[in-house]
N, C-alpha and C. Protein backbone atom coordinates (compact mmCIF):
# COMPACT_ATOMS: atom_id res chain seq x y z
N MET A 1 -60.03 -9.54 34.92
CA MET A 1 -58.67 -10.03 35.09
C MET A 1 -57.78 -8.89 35.57
N VAL A 2 -56.93 -9.20 36.54
CA VAL A 2 -55.99 -8.20 37.04
C VAL A 2 -55.11 -7.76 35.89
N ASP A 3 -55.01 -6.47 35.70
CA ASP A 3 -54.20 -5.92 34.62
C ASP A 3 -52.76 -5.79 35.10
N PRO A 4 -51.86 -6.66 34.61
CA PRO A 4 -50.48 -6.62 35.07
C PRO A 4 -49.80 -5.27 34.84
N SER A 5 -50.18 -4.57 33.78
CA SER A 5 -49.55 -3.27 33.51
C SER A 5 -49.92 -2.25 34.59
N VAL A 6 -51.15 -2.34 35.10
CA VAL A 6 -51.58 -1.44 36.17
C VAL A 6 -50.77 -1.73 37.43
N VAL A 7 -50.69 -3.00 37.79
CA VAL A 7 -49.95 -3.38 38.99
C VAL A 7 -48.47 -3.03 38.84
N LYS A 8 -47.92 -3.28 37.68
CA LYS A 8 -46.50 -2.98 37.44
C LYS A 8 -46.24 -1.48 37.57
N ARG A 9 -47.12 -0.66 37.02
CA ARG A 9 -46.97 0.79 37.11
C ARG A 9 -47.04 1.25 38.56
N LYS A 10 -47.95 0.68 39.32
CA LYS A 10 -48.10 1.06 40.72
C LYS A 10 -46.91 0.60 41.56
N VAL A 11 -46.42 -0.59 41.28
CA VAL A 11 -45.24 -1.09 42.01
C VAL A 11 -44.02 -0.22 41.69
N LYS A 12 -43.90 0.20 40.44
CA LYS A 12 -42.80 1.08 40.06
C LYS A 12 -42.87 2.39 40.86
N LYS A 13 -44.07 2.94 40.99
CA LYS A 13 -44.25 4.17 41.77
C LYS A 13 -43.91 3.92 43.24
N MET A 14 -44.33 2.78 43.76
CA MET A 14 -44.03 2.45 45.14
C MET A 14 -42.52 2.36 45.36
N LEU A 15 -41.81 1.76 44.43
CA LEU A 15 -40.36 1.66 44.54
C LEU A 15 -39.70 3.04 44.50
N GLU A 16 -40.24 3.95 43.71
CA GLU A 16 -39.73 5.32 43.69
C GLU A 16 -39.87 5.96 45.08
N TYR A 17 -41.04 5.78 45.68
CA TYR A 17 -41.27 6.34 47.02
C TYR A 17 -40.34 5.68 48.04
N LEU A 18 -40.15 4.38 47.93
CA LEU A 18 -39.25 3.68 48.85
C LEU A 18 -37.81 4.19 48.70
N ASN A 19 -37.39 4.44 47.49
CA ASN A 19 -36.05 4.99 47.27
C ASN A 19 -35.92 6.38 47.88
N GLU A 20 -36.96 7.19 47.73
CA GLU A 20 -36.94 8.52 48.35
C GLU A 20 -36.88 8.39 49.88
N LEU A 21 -37.63 7.46 50.42
CA LEU A 21 -37.62 7.23 51.86
C LEU A 21 -36.24 6.76 52.31
N GLU A 22 -35.62 5.91 51.53
CA GLU A 22 -34.27 5.42 51.84
C GLU A 22 -33.28 6.58 51.95
N SER A 23 -33.47 7.60 51.13
CA SER A 23 -32.56 8.74 51.17
C SER A 23 -32.63 9.49 52.50
N MET A 24 -33.68 9.30 53.25
CA MET A 24 -33.84 9.94 54.56
C MET A 24 -33.12 9.18 55.66
N ARG A 25 -32.62 8.02 55.35
CA ARG A 25 -31.99 7.15 56.34
C ARG A 25 -30.76 7.78 57.00
N ASP A 26 -30.06 8.64 56.28
CA ASP A 26 -28.82 9.23 56.80
C ASP A 26 -29.06 10.35 57.81
N ILE A 27 -30.30 10.75 57.96
CA ILE A 27 -30.62 11.81 58.92
C ILE A 27 -30.58 11.21 60.33
N SER A 28 -29.85 11.87 61.22
CA SER A 28 -29.78 11.37 62.60
C SER A 28 -31.16 11.51 63.25
N LEU A 29 -31.38 10.72 64.27
CA LEU A 29 -32.65 10.78 65.00
C LEU A 29 -32.85 12.18 65.57
N GLU A 30 -31.79 12.76 66.08
CA GLU A 30 -31.87 14.11 66.64
C GLU A 30 -32.33 15.11 65.58
N ASP A 31 -31.71 15.07 64.40
CA ASP A 31 -32.10 15.98 63.32
C ASP A 31 -33.52 15.70 62.85
N TYR A 32 -33.86 14.45 62.81
CA TYR A 32 -35.22 14.07 62.40
C TYR A 32 -36.25 14.66 63.36
N LEU A 33 -36.00 14.50 64.65
CA LEU A 33 -36.97 14.93 65.65
C LEU A 33 -37.06 16.45 65.79
N LYS A 34 -35.98 17.16 65.51
CA LYS A 34 -36.01 18.60 65.72
C LYS A 34 -36.47 19.38 64.48
N ASP A 35 -36.51 18.75 63.33
CA ASP A 35 -36.92 19.45 62.11
C ASP A 35 -38.23 18.87 61.59
N PHE A 36 -39.30 19.62 61.75
CA PHE A 36 -40.62 19.13 61.35
C PHE A 36 -40.67 18.76 59.87
N ARG A 37 -39.83 19.40 59.05
CA ARG A 37 -39.85 19.10 57.61
C ARG A 37 -39.43 17.65 57.35
N ASN A 38 -38.42 17.20 58.07
CA ASN A 38 -37.99 15.81 57.92
C ASN A 38 -39.11 14.85 58.29
N LYS A 39 -39.78 15.16 59.39
CA LYS A 39 -40.89 14.30 59.83
C LYS A 39 -42.01 14.29 58.79
N ARG A 40 -42.33 15.44 58.25
CA ARG A 40 -43.41 15.52 57.27
C ARG A 40 -43.05 14.77 55.99
N ILE A 41 -41.80 14.85 55.59
CA ILE A 41 -41.35 14.12 54.38
C ILE A 41 -41.52 12.63 54.59
N VAL A 42 -41.03 12.14 55.73
CA VAL A 42 -41.11 10.71 56.01
C VAL A 42 -42.57 10.27 56.13
N GLU A 43 -43.36 11.03 56.86
CA GLU A 43 -44.78 10.68 57.02
C GLU A 43 -45.49 10.64 55.67
N ARG A 44 -45.23 11.63 54.84
CA ARG A 44 -45.90 11.69 53.53
C ARG A 44 -45.48 10.53 52.64
N LEU A 45 -44.19 10.19 52.64
CA LEU A 45 -43.73 9.07 51.82
C LEU A 45 -44.36 7.76 52.28
N ILE A 46 -44.46 7.58 53.59
CA ILE A 46 -45.11 6.37 54.10
C ILE A 46 -46.58 6.35 53.67
N GLN A 47 -47.23 7.50 53.76
CA GLN A 47 -48.63 7.59 53.33
C GLN A 47 -48.78 7.25 51.84
N LEU A 48 -47.88 7.77 51.01
CA LEU A 48 -47.95 7.48 49.58
C LEU A 48 -47.72 6.00 49.29
N ILE A 49 -46.80 5.38 50.01
CA ILE A 49 -46.51 3.95 49.83
C ILE A 49 -47.75 3.13 50.19
N VAL A 50 -48.36 3.46 51.31
CA VAL A 50 -49.56 2.73 51.73
C VAL A 50 -50.70 2.96 50.73
N ASP A 51 -50.84 4.20 50.26
CA ASP A 51 -51.90 4.49 49.28
C ASP A 51 -51.74 3.65 48.01
N VAL A 52 -50.52 3.52 47.54
CA VAL A 52 -50.28 2.71 46.34
C VAL A 52 -50.61 1.24 46.63
N ALA A 53 -50.20 0.76 47.80
CA ALA A 53 -50.50 -0.63 48.17
C ALA A 53 -52.00 -0.86 48.22
N VAL A 54 -52.73 0.09 48.78
CA VAL A 54 -54.19 -0.02 48.86
C VAL A 54 -54.80 -0.01 47.46
N ASP A 55 -54.26 0.82 46.57
CA ASP A 55 -54.74 0.82 45.18
C ASP A 55 -54.56 -0.55 44.53
N ILE A 56 -53.41 -1.15 44.75
CA ILE A 56 -53.15 -2.49 44.20
C ILE A 56 -54.12 -3.50 44.81
N ASN A 57 -54.27 -3.44 46.13
CA ASN A 57 -55.20 -4.35 46.81
C ASN A 57 -56.61 -4.22 46.23
N THR A 58 -57.07 -2.98 46.09
CA THR A 58 -58.42 -2.73 45.59
C THR A 58 -58.59 -3.26 44.17
N HIS A 59 -57.58 -3.08 43.36
CA HIS A 59 -57.62 -3.59 41.98
C HIS A 59 -57.80 -5.11 41.99
N ILE A 60 -57.06 -5.79 42.84
CA ILE A 60 -57.14 -7.25 42.93
C ILE A 60 -58.50 -7.69 43.47
N ILE A 61 -58.97 -7.00 44.51
CA ILE A 61 -60.23 -7.37 45.15
C ILE A 61 -61.42 -7.19 44.19
N VAL A 62 -61.50 -6.04 43.56
CA VAL A 62 -62.61 -5.75 42.65
C VAL A 62 -62.56 -6.68 41.45
N ASP A 63 -61.35 -6.96 40.97
CA ASP A 63 -61.21 -7.87 39.84
C ASP A 63 -61.74 -9.27 40.18
N ALA A 64 -61.65 -9.64 41.45
CA ALA A 64 -62.15 -10.95 41.87
C ALA A 64 -63.66 -10.96 42.06
N GLY A 65 -64.31 -9.82 41.75
CA GLY A 65 -65.76 -9.76 41.86
C GLY A 65 -66.25 -9.43 43.25
N ARG A 66 -65.35 -9.01 44.10
CA ARG A 66 -65.74 -8.66 45.47
C ARG A 66 -65.93 -7.14 45.55
N PRO A 67 -66.69 -6.69 46.54
CA PRO A 67 -66.89 -5.24 46.67
C PRO A 67 -65.59 -4.55 47.11
N ALA A 68 -65.44 -3.31 46.69
CA ALA A 68 -64.27 -2.53 47.09
C ALA A 68 -64.24 -2.41 48.62
N PRO A 69 -63.06 -2.48 49.20
CA PRO A 69 -62.97 -2.38 50.66
C PRO A 69 -63.39 -1.00 51.16
N ASP A 70 -63.87 -0.97 52.39
CA ASP A 70 -64.31 0.29 52.99
C ASP A 70 -63.16 1.20 53.40
N ASP A 71 -62.02 0.59 53.71
CA ASP A 71 -60.88 1.39 54.16
C ASP A 71 -59.58 0.66 53.84
N ALA A 72 -58.48 1.33 54.12
CA ALA A 72 -57.15 0.78 53.80
C ALA A 72 -56.91 -0.53 54.54
N TYR A 73 -57.19 -0.53 55.83
CA TYR A 73 -56.97 -1.72 56.64
C TYR A 73 -57.72 -2.92 56.06
N SER A 74 -58.99 -2.70 55.72
CA SER A 74 -59.82 -3.78 55.18
C SER A 74 -59.26 -4.32 53.87
N SER A 75 -58.60 -3.46 53.10
CA SER A 75 -58.03 -3.93 51.84
C SER A 75 -56.94 -4.97 52.09
N PHE A 76 -56.14 -4.75 53.12
CA PHE A 76 -55.08 -5.71 53.45
C PHE A 76 -55.66 -7.00 54.02
N VAL A 77 -56.68 -6.86 54.86
CA VAL A 77 -57.33 -8.04 55.41
C VAL A 77 -57.94 -8.88 54.29
N GLU A 78 -58.61 -8.22 53.36
CA GLU A 78 -59.29 -8.94 52.27
C GLU A 78 -58.30 -9.67 51.36
N VAL A 79 -57.22 -9.00 50.94
CA VAL A 79 -56.27 -9.71 50.07
C VAL A 79 -55.58 -10.82 50.84
N GLY A 80 -55.47 -10.67 52.16
CA GLY A 80 -54.95 -11.76 52.98
C GLY A 80 -55.88 -12.96 52.97
N LYS A 81 -57.17 -12.70 53.11
CA LYS A 81 -58.18 -13.77 53.06
C LYS A 81 -58.20 -14.45 51.70
N MET A 82 -57.88 -13.67 50.67
CA MET A 82 -57.88 -14.21 49.30
C MET A 82 -56.63 -15.05 49.02
N GLY A 83 -55.69 -15.03 49.95
CA GLY A 83 -54.45 -15.80 49.76
C GLY A 83 -53.39 -15.06 48.96
N VAL A 84 -53.59 -13.76 48.74
CA VAL A 84 -52.62 -12.98 47.98
C VAL A 84 -51.39 -12.68 48.83
N LEU A 85 -51.58 -12.52 50.13
CA LEU A 85 -50.49 -12.21 51.06
C LEU A 85 -50.18 -13.41 51.94
N ARG A 86 -48.97 -13.42 52.45
CA ARG A 86 -48.57 -14.49 53.36
C ARG A 86 -49.34 -14.36 54.68
N GLU A 87 -49.54 -15.48 55.33
CA GLU A 87 -50.31 -15.50 56.57
C GLU A 87 -49.63 -14.77 57.71
N GLU A 88 -48.31 -14.69 57.72
CA GLU A 88 -47.62 -14.10 58.86
C GLU A 88 -47.57 -12.58 58.85
N TRP A 89 -48.28 -11.94 57.94
CA TRP A 89 -48.30 -10.48 57.93
C TRP A 89 -49.03 -9.98 59.17
N PRO A 90 -48.60 -8.87 59.75
CA PRO A 90 -49.12 -8.42 61.04
C PRO A 90 -50.62 -8.14 61.07
N TRP A 91 -51.20 -7.69 59.95
CA TRP A 91 -52.63 -7.36 59.99
C TRP A 91 -53.50 -8.60 60.06
N GLN A 92 -52.90 -9.77 59.93
CA GLN A 92 -53.68 -10.99 60.03
C GLN A 92 -53.54 -11.62 61.42
N SER A 93 -52.79 -10.97 62.29
CA SER A 93 -52.61 -11.51 63.64
C SER A 93 -53.68 -10.95 64.56
N PRO A 94 -53.83 -11.55 65.73
CA PRO A 94 -54.84 -11.05 66.66
C PRO A 94 -54.41 -9.78 67.39
N ARG A 95 -53.19 -9.26 67.10
CA ARG A 95 -52.74 -8.05 67.78
C ARG A 95 -53.66 -6.88 67.46
N PRO A 96 -53.80 -5.95 68.40
CA PRO A 96 -54.66 -4.79 68.12
C PRO A 96 -54.06 -3.91 67.03
N ARG A 97 -54.91 -3.23 66.30
CA ARG A 97 -54.49 -2.30 65.26
C ARG A 97 -53.94 -1.04 65.89
N VAL A 98 -53.06 -0.38 65.15
CA VAL A 98 -52.57 0.93 65.58
C VAL A 98 -53.58 1.96 65.11
N ASN A 99 -54.03 2.77 66.04
CA ASN A 99 -54.95 3.85 65.69
C ASN A 99 -54.25 5.17 65.95
N GLY A 100 -54.65 6.21 65.27
CA GLY A 100 -54.05 7.52 65.46
C GLY A 100 -53.15 7.87 64.30
N THR A 101 -52.37 8.90 64.50
CA THR A 101 -51.50 9.38 63.44
C THR A 101 -50.05 9.08 63.75
N LEU A 102 -49.21 9.21 62.75
CA LEU A 102 -47.78 9.01 62.96
C LEU A 102 -47.23 10.00 63.97
N SER A 103 -47.80 11.18 64.03
CA SER A 103 -47.29 12.20 64.95
C SER A 103 -47.48 11.80 66.41
N SER A 104 -48.39 10.89 66.67
CA SER A 104 -48.61 10.46 68.04
C SER A 104 -47.78 9.23 68.41
N MET A 105 -46.98 8.75 67.45
CA MET A 105 -46.20 7.55 67.68
C MET A 105 -44.80 7.90 68.20
N ASN A 106 -44.18 6.95 68.85
CA ASN A 106 -42.81 7.11 69.31
C ASN A 106 -41.90 6.99 68.10
N MET A 107 -41.28 8.08 67.69
CA MET A 107 -40.45 8.09 66.49
C MET A 107 -39.10 7.41 66.70
N LYS A 108 -38.78 7.04 67.92
CA LYS A 108 -37.51 6.35 68.17
C LYS A 108 -37.57 4.89 67.77
N ILE A 109 -38.76 4.40 67.49
CA ILE A 109 -38.93 3.03 67.04
C ILE A 109 -38.17 2.88 65.77
């Protein structure tokens, strides 16, 4: 059975990371792009948020008696197949996956 206290603890941590990420919102794009520290902070917070989400996904998947996912992407696909996530989430669409690192992405998005 999914342990609600585990999920609650992980969601609380995710919200902390989201709040920290929100604090970066006031940085101008120019300042963001010229200071590698700002970019690293944002990248790391996004990574931590995704890691927590994957932990939650894995907890749900394994609890359902299924094998642990091979990677982060698969964890989202699997919980989507299980009906845990809404169908309109992007990883369930036929669009291609983003490959590479955040550093190779257009930060103006």
